[in-house]
């Protein structure tokens, strides 16, 4: 292809100087507005008495730990991070209580299937922590046990009688 084929083709710039100036002006206005909002919040005292005000940021000592914020989050929120094998043991022990809170058989079945899927997924992962000894549960057997516990609770606690509706004062005789 020769140069004569490209003579009629003109490539226009994506934005001309005027639109660049407009974009810069708009950007300055946004920065000005944001700065103004911050100054108004400072004047109102919105930033006074924040937790940790005047204290150094923890975790930025001599040796820098890149996960300092995560460790502080776990400590502050009292999160428990367990290896998958221990978490599944705990979930297995609490599964019946979880099922007892389910209102329908379908919800109980889904909870057991979710537990089984997590156990199987953990079996195919590289083990971290203690060995996985938790076995998947038989769905039909577990749901049948849930059904029995549910009927036993229904028989043990008779339904409380509803109080009679109050009669209106103008209908009393």
C-alpha atoms as a PDB file:
ATOM      1  CA  UNK A   1       0.000   0.000   0.000  1.00  0.00           C
ATOM      2  CA  UNK A   2       1.308   3.374  -0.929  1.00  0.00           C
ATOM      3  CA  UNK A   3       1.039   6.676   0.869  1.00  0.00           C
ATOM      4  CA  UNK A   4      -1.447   7.977  -1.689  1.00  0.00           C
ATOM      5  CA  UNK A   5      -4.118   5.614  -0.344  1.00  0.00           C
ATOM      6  CA  UNK A   6      -3.931   7.242   3.104  1.00  0.00           C
ATOM      7  CA  UNK A   7      -3.993  10.865   2.017  1.00  0.00           C
ATOM      8  CA  UNK A   8      -7.755  11.232   2.432  1.00  0.00           C
ATOM      9  CA  UNK A   9      -7.840   9.648   5.880  1.00  0.00           C
ATOM     10  CA  UNK A  10      -7.649  12.135   8.718  1.00  0.00           C
ATOM     11  CA  UNK A  11      -7.421  11.076  12.306  1.00  0.00           C
ATOM     12  CA  UNK A  12      -9.125  13.554  14.585  1.00  0.00           C
ATOM     13  CA  UNK A  13      -7.856  13.818  18.157  1.00  0.00           C
ATOM     14  CA  UNK A  14     -10.160  12.259  20.724  1.00  0.00           C
ATOM     15  CA  UNK A  15     -10.563  15.551  22.538  1.00  0.00           C
ATOM     16  CA  UNK A  16      -9.679  19.022  21.482  1.00  0.00           C
ATOM     17  CA  UNK A  17      -8.061  21.676  23.649  1.00  0.00           C
ATOM     18  CA  UNK A  18     -11.399  23.217  24.648  1.00  0.00           C
ATOM     19  CA  UNK A  19     -12.782  19.969  26.018  1.00  0.00           C
ATOM     20  CA  UNK A  20      -9.519  19.331  27.887  1.00  0.00           C
ATOM     21  CA  UNK A  21      -9.803  22.735  29.481  1.00  0.00           C
ATOM     22  CA  UNK A  22     -13.436  22.013  30.393  1.00  0.00           C
ATOM     23  CA  UNK A  23     -12.446  18.673  31.939  1.00  0.00           C
ATOM     24  CA  UNK A  24      -9.691  20.323  33.982  1.00  0.00           C
ATOM     25  CA  UNK A  25     -12.098  23.054  35.131  1.00  0.00           C
ATOM     26  CA  UNK A  26     -14.670  20.424  36.129  1.00  0.00           C
ATOM     27  CA  UNK A  27     -11.975  18.493  38.026  1.00  0.00           C
ATOM     28  CA  UNK A  28     -10.931  21.660  39.904  1.00  0.00           C
ATOM     29  CA  UNK A  29     -14.562  22.343  40.823  1.00  0.00           C
ATOM     30  CA  UNK A  30     -14.981  18.805  42.168  1.00  0.00           C
ATOM     31  CA  UNK A  31     -11.799  19.113  44.245  1.00  0.00           C
ATOM     32  CA  UNK A  32     -12.943  22.492  45.516  1.00  0.00           C
ATOM     33  CA  UNK A  33     -16.356  21.100  46.472  1.00  0.00           C
ATOM     34  CA  UNK A  34     -14.799  18.126  48.273  1.00  0.00           C
ATOM     35  CA  UNK A  35     -12.387  20.393  50.154  1.00  0.00           C
ATOM     36  CA  UNK A  36     -15.297  22.645  51.091  1.00  0.00           C
ATOM     37  CA  UNK A  37     -17.297  19.684  52.446  1.00  0.00           C
ATOM     38  CA  UNK A  38     -14.305  18.564  54.526  1.00  0.00           C
ATOM     39  CA  UNK A  39     -13.797  22.059  55.930  1.00  0.00           C
ATOM     40  CA  UNK A  40     -17.489  22.293  56.862  1.00  0.00           C
ATOM     41  CA  UNK A  41     -17.327  18.890  58.592  1.00  0.00           C
ATOM     42  CA  UNK A  42     -14.267  20.006  60.565  1.00  0.00           C
ATOM     43  CA  UNK A  43     -16.065  23.204  61.568  1.00  0.00           C
ATOM     44  CA  UNK A  44     -19.112  21.194  62.719  1.00  0.00           C
ATOM     45  CA  UNK A  45     -16.829  18.922  64.748  1.00  0.00           C
ATOM     46  CA  UNK A  46     -17.653  15.729  62.847  1.00  0.00           C
ATOM     47  CA  UNK A  47     -14.053  14.552  63.163  1.00  0.00           C
ATOM     48  CA  UNK A  48     -13.716  15.302  66.890  1.00  0.00           C
ATOM     49  CA  UNK A  49     -13.469  12.405  69.344  1.00  0.00           C
ATOM     50  CA  UNK A  50     -12.854   9.720  66.740  1.00  0.00           C
ATOM     51  CA  UNK A  51     -11.498   6.444  68.160  1.00  0.00           C
ATOM     52  CA  UNK A  52      -7.728   6.450  68.097  1.00  0.00           C
ATOM     53  CA  UNK A  53      -7.430  10.229  67.717  1.00  0.00           C
ATOM     54  CA  UNK A  54      -3.970  11.419  68.685  1.00  0.00           C
ATOM     55  CA  UNK A  55      -2.606   7.888  68.960  1.00  0.00           C
ATOM     56  CA  UNK A  56      -0.033   6.349  66.654  1.00  0.00           C
ATOM     57  CA  UNK A  57      -1.227   3.751  64.190  1.00  0.00           C
ATOM     58  CA  UNK A  58      -0.563   0.304  65.597  1.00  0.00           C
ATOM     59  CA  UNK A  59       1.380  -2.156  63.509  1.00  0.00           C
ATOM     60  CA  UNK A  60       3.811   0.360  62.055  1.00  0.00           C
ATOM     61  CA  UNK A  61       6.707  -0.437  64.351  1.00  0.00           C
ATOM     62  CA  UNK A  62      10.308  -1.279  63.569  1.00  0.00           C
ATOM     63  CA  UNK A  63       9.453  -4.356  61.516  1.00  0.00           C
ATOM     64  CA  UNK A  64       6.533  -3.780  59.203  1.00  0.00           C
ATOM     65  CA  UNK A  65       3.897  -6.498  59.063  1.00  0.00           C
ATOM     66  CA  UNK A  66       1.784  -6.125  55.897  1.00  0.00           C
ATOM     67  CA  UNK A  67      -1.122  -7.949  57.578  1.00  0.00           C
ATOM     68  CA  UNK A  68      -1.256  -5.731  60.672  1.00  0.00           C
ATOM     69  CA  UNK A  69      -4.699  -4.399  59.757  1.00  0.00           C
ATOM     70  CA  UNK A  70      -6.071  -7.927  59.336  1.00  0.00           C
ATOM     71  CA  UNK A  71      -4.701  -9.019  62.703  1.00  0.00           C
ATOM     72  CA  UNK A  72      -6.221  -5.940  64.337  1.00  0.00           C
ATOM     73  CA  UNK A  73      -9.577  -6.688  62.670  1.00  0.00           C
ATOM     74  CA  UNK A  74      -9.553 -10.286  63.945  1.00  0.00           C
ATOM     75  CA  UNK A  75      -8.689  -9.101  67.449  1.00  0.00           C
ATOM     76  CA  UNK A  76     -11.165  -6.190  67.484  1.00  0.00           C
ATOM     77  CA  UNK A  77     -14.108  -8.166  66.050  1.00  0.00           C
ATOM     78  CA  UNK A  78     -13.183 -11.332  67.986  1.00  0.00           C
ATOM     79  CA  UNK A  79     -13.241 -13.405  64.822  1.00  0.00           C
ATOM     80  CA  UNK A  80     -12.260 -17.044  65.036  1.00  0.00           C
ATOM     81  CA  UNK A  81     -10.259 -18.322  62.117  1.00  0.00           C
ATOM     82  CA  UNK A  82      -9.971 -22.095  62.230  1.00  0.00           C
ATOM     83  CA  UNK A  83      -8.390 -24.561  59.825  1.00  0.00           C
ATOM     84  CA  UNK A  84     -11.031 -26.186  57.593  1.00  0.00           C
ATOM     85  CA  UNK A  85     -10.813 -29.566  59.348  1.00  0.00           C
ATOM     86  CA  UNK A  86     -11.467 -28.050  62.788  1.00  0.00           C
ATOM     87  CA  UNK A  87     -14.232 -25.777  61.438  1.00  0.00           C
ATOM     88  CA  UNK A  88     -15.965 -28.767  59.838  1.00  0.00           C
ATOM     89  CA  UNK A  89     -15.771 -30.729  63.107  1.00  0.00           C
ATOM     90  CA  UNK A  90     -17.380 -27.792  64.882  1.00  0.00           C
ATOM     91  CA  UNK A  91     -20.040 -27.448  62.172  1.00  0.00           C
ATOM     92  CA  UNK A  92     -20.751 -31.194  62.377  1.00  0.00           C
ATOM     93  CA  UNK A  93     -21.315 -30.931  66.128  1.00  0.00           C
ATOM     94  CA  UNK A  94     -23.668 -27.960  65.657  1.00  0.00           C
ATOM     95  CA  UNK A  95     -25.488 -29.272  62.577  1.00  0.00           C
ATOM     96  CA  UNK A  96     -28.454 -30.734  64.478  1.00  0.00           C
ATOM     97  CA  UNK A  97     -29.025 -27.408  66.263  1.00  0.00           C
ATOM     98  CA  UNK A  98     -28.853 -25.629  62.915  1.00  0.00           C
ATOM     99  CA  UNK A  99     -31.362 -28.048  61.426  1.00  0.00           C
ATOM    100  CA  UNK A 100     -33.726 -27.607  64.371  1.00  0.00           C
ATOM    101  CA  UNK A 101     -33.919 -23.896  63.539  1.00  0.00           C
ATOM    102  CA  UNK A 102     -35.058 -24.651  59.973  1.00  0.00           C
ATOM    103  CA  UNK A 103     -38.768 -24.220  59.331  1.00  0.00           C
ATOM    104  CA  UNK A 104     -39.196 -26.550  56.355  1.00  0.00           C
ATOM    105  CA  UNK A 105     -37.885 -29.926  55.315  1.00  0.00           C
ATOM    106  CA  UNK A 106     -36.480 -28.396  52.135  1.00  0.00           C
ATOM    107  CA  UNK A 107     -34.431 -25.881  54.153  1.00  0.00           C
ATOM    108  CA  UNK A 108     -33.117 -28.671  56.400  1.00  0.00           C
ATOM    109  CA  UNK A 109     -32.224 -30.766  53.361  1.00  0.00           C
ATOM    110  CA  UNK A 110     -30.362 -27.829  51.785  1.00  0.00           C
ATOM    111  CA  UNK A 111     -28.409 -27.241  55.006  1.00  0.00           C
ATOM    112  CA  UNK A 112     -27.270 -30.891  55.075  1.00  0.00           C
ATOM    113  CA  UNK A 113     -26.361 -30.797  51.375  1.00  0.00           C
ATOM    114  CA  UNK A 114     -24.359 -27.599  51.929  1.00  0.00           C
ATOM    115  CA  UNK A 115     -22.499 -29.233  54.828  1.00  0.00           C
ATOM    116  CA  UNK A 116     -21.748 -32.307  52.693  1.00  0.00           C
ATOM    117  CA  UNK A 117     -20.481 -30.133  49.836  1.00  0.00           C
ATOM    118  CA  UNK A 118     -18.092 -28.321  52.197  1.00  0.00           C
ATOM    119  CA  UNK A 119     -16.785 -31.636  53.554  1.00  0.00           C
ATOM    120  CA  UNK A 120     -16.190 -33.001  50.049  1.00  0.00           C
ATOM    121  CA  UNK A 121     -14.545 -29.740  48.928  1.00  0.00           C
ATOM    122  CA  UNK A 122     -12.206 -29.900  51.942  1.00  0.00           C
ATOM    123  CA  UNK A 123     -11.238 -33.478  51.074  1.00  0.00           C
ATOM    124  CA  UNK A 124      -9.950 -32.394  47.654  1.00  0.00           C
ATOM    125  CA  UNK A 125      -7.909 -29.463  48.953  1.00  0.00           C
ATOM    126  CA  UNK A 126      -4.362 -29.548  50.195  1.00  0.00           C
ATOM    127  CA  UNK A 127      -4.665 -30.201  53.941  1.00  0.00           C
ATOM    128  CA  UNK A 128      -3.875 -27.292  56.228  1.00  0.00           C
ATOM    129  CA  UNK A 129      -3.834 -28.048  59.898  1.00  0.00           C
ATOM    130  CA  UNK A 130      -5.008 -31.316  61.458  1.00  0.00           C
ATOM    131  CA  UNK A 131      -6.289 -34.130  59.256  1.00  0.00           C
ATOM    132  CA  UNK A 132      -9.912 -34.073  58.158  1.00  0.00           C
ATOM    133  CA  UNK A 133     -11.877 -36.814  59.892  1.00  0.00           C
ATOM    134  CA  UNK A 134     -15.388 -35.413  59.400  1.00  0.00           C
ATOM    135  CA  UNK A 135     -17.579 -37.551  57.173  1.00  0.00           C
ATOM    136  CA  UNK A 136     -20.456 -36.336  54.995  1.00  0.00           C
ATOM    137  CA  UNK A 137     -23.883 -36.997  56.465  1.00  0.00           C
ATOM    138  CA  UNK A 138     -26.542 -39.170  54.858  1.00  0.00           C
ATOM    139  CA  UNK A 139     -29.118 -36.622  53.753  1.00  0.00           C
ATOM    140  CA  UNK A 140     -32.195 -38.857  54.037  1.00  0.00           C
ATOM    141  CA  UNK A 141     -31.196 -40.210  57.448  1.00  0.00           C
ATOM    142  CA  UNK A 142     -30.394 -36.742  58.825  1.00  0.00           C
ATOM    143  CA  UNK A 143     -33.644 -35.246  57.524  1.00  0.00           C
ATOM    144  CA  UNK A 144     -35.602 -38.168  59.009  1.00  0.00           C
ATOM    145  CA  UNK A 145     -33.962 -37.526  62.403  1.00  0.00           C
ATOM    146  CA  UNK A 146     -34.844 -33.826  62.032  1.00  0.00           C
ATOM    147  CA  UNK A 147     -38.460 -34.786  61.297  1.00  0.00           C
ATOM    148  CA  UNK A 148     -38.595 -37.009  64.410  1.00  0.00           C
ATOM    149  CA  UNK A 149     -37.158 -34.270  66.644  1.00  0.00           C
ATOM    150  CA  UNK A 150     -39.632 -31.802  65.195  1.00  0.00           C
ATOM    151  CA  UNK A 151     -42.672 -34.023  65.890  1.00  0.00           C
ATOM    152  CA  UNK A 152     -41.346 -34.799  69.397  1.00  0.00           C
ATOM    153  CA  UNK A 153     -41.131 -31.075  70.129  1.00  0.00           C
ATOM    154  CA  UNK A 154     -44.647 -30.514  68.778  1.00  0.00           C
ATOM    155  CA  UNK A 155     -46.065 -33.274  71.026  1.00  0.00           C
ATOM    156  CA  UNK A 156     -44.067 -32.177  74.086  1.00  0.00           C
ATOM    157  CA  UNK A 157     -45.205 -28.575  73.905  1.00  0.00           C
ATOM    158  CA  UNK A 158     -48.952 -28.279  73.307  1.00  0.00           C
ATOM    159  CA  UNK A 159     -49.949 -25.140  71.454  1.00  0.00           C
ATOM    160  CA  UNK A 160     -50.732 -22.240  73.730  1.00  0.00           C
ATOM    161  CA  UNK A 161     -54.378 -21.237  73.549  1.00  0.00           C
ATOM    162  CA  UNK A 162     -54.979 -17.884  71.951  1.00  0.00           C
ATOM    163  CA  UNK A 163     -56.794 -15.417  74.171  1.00  0.00           C
ATOM    164  CA  UNK A 164     -60.346 -14.665  73.123  1.00  0.00           C
ATOM    165  CA  UNK A 165     -60.605 -11.476  71.159  1.00  0.00           C
ATOM    166  CA  UNK A 166     -61.628  -8.552  73.291  1.00  0.00           C
ATOM    167  CA  UNK A 167     -65.084  -7.302  72.770  1.00  0.00           C
ATOM    168  CA  UNK A 168     -65.542  -3.659  72.053  1.00  0.00           C
ATOM    169  CA  UNK A 169     -67.053  -1.609  74.873  1.00  0.00           C
ATOM    170  CA  UNK A 170     -70.069  -0.649  72.820  1.00  0.00           C
ATOM    171  CA  UNK A 171     -70.908  -4.299  72.061  1.00  0.00           C
ATOM    172  CA  UNK A 172     -70.941  -5.417  75.681  1.00  0.00           C
ATOM    173  CA  UNK A 173     -74.306  -6.102  77.252  1.00  0.00           C
END
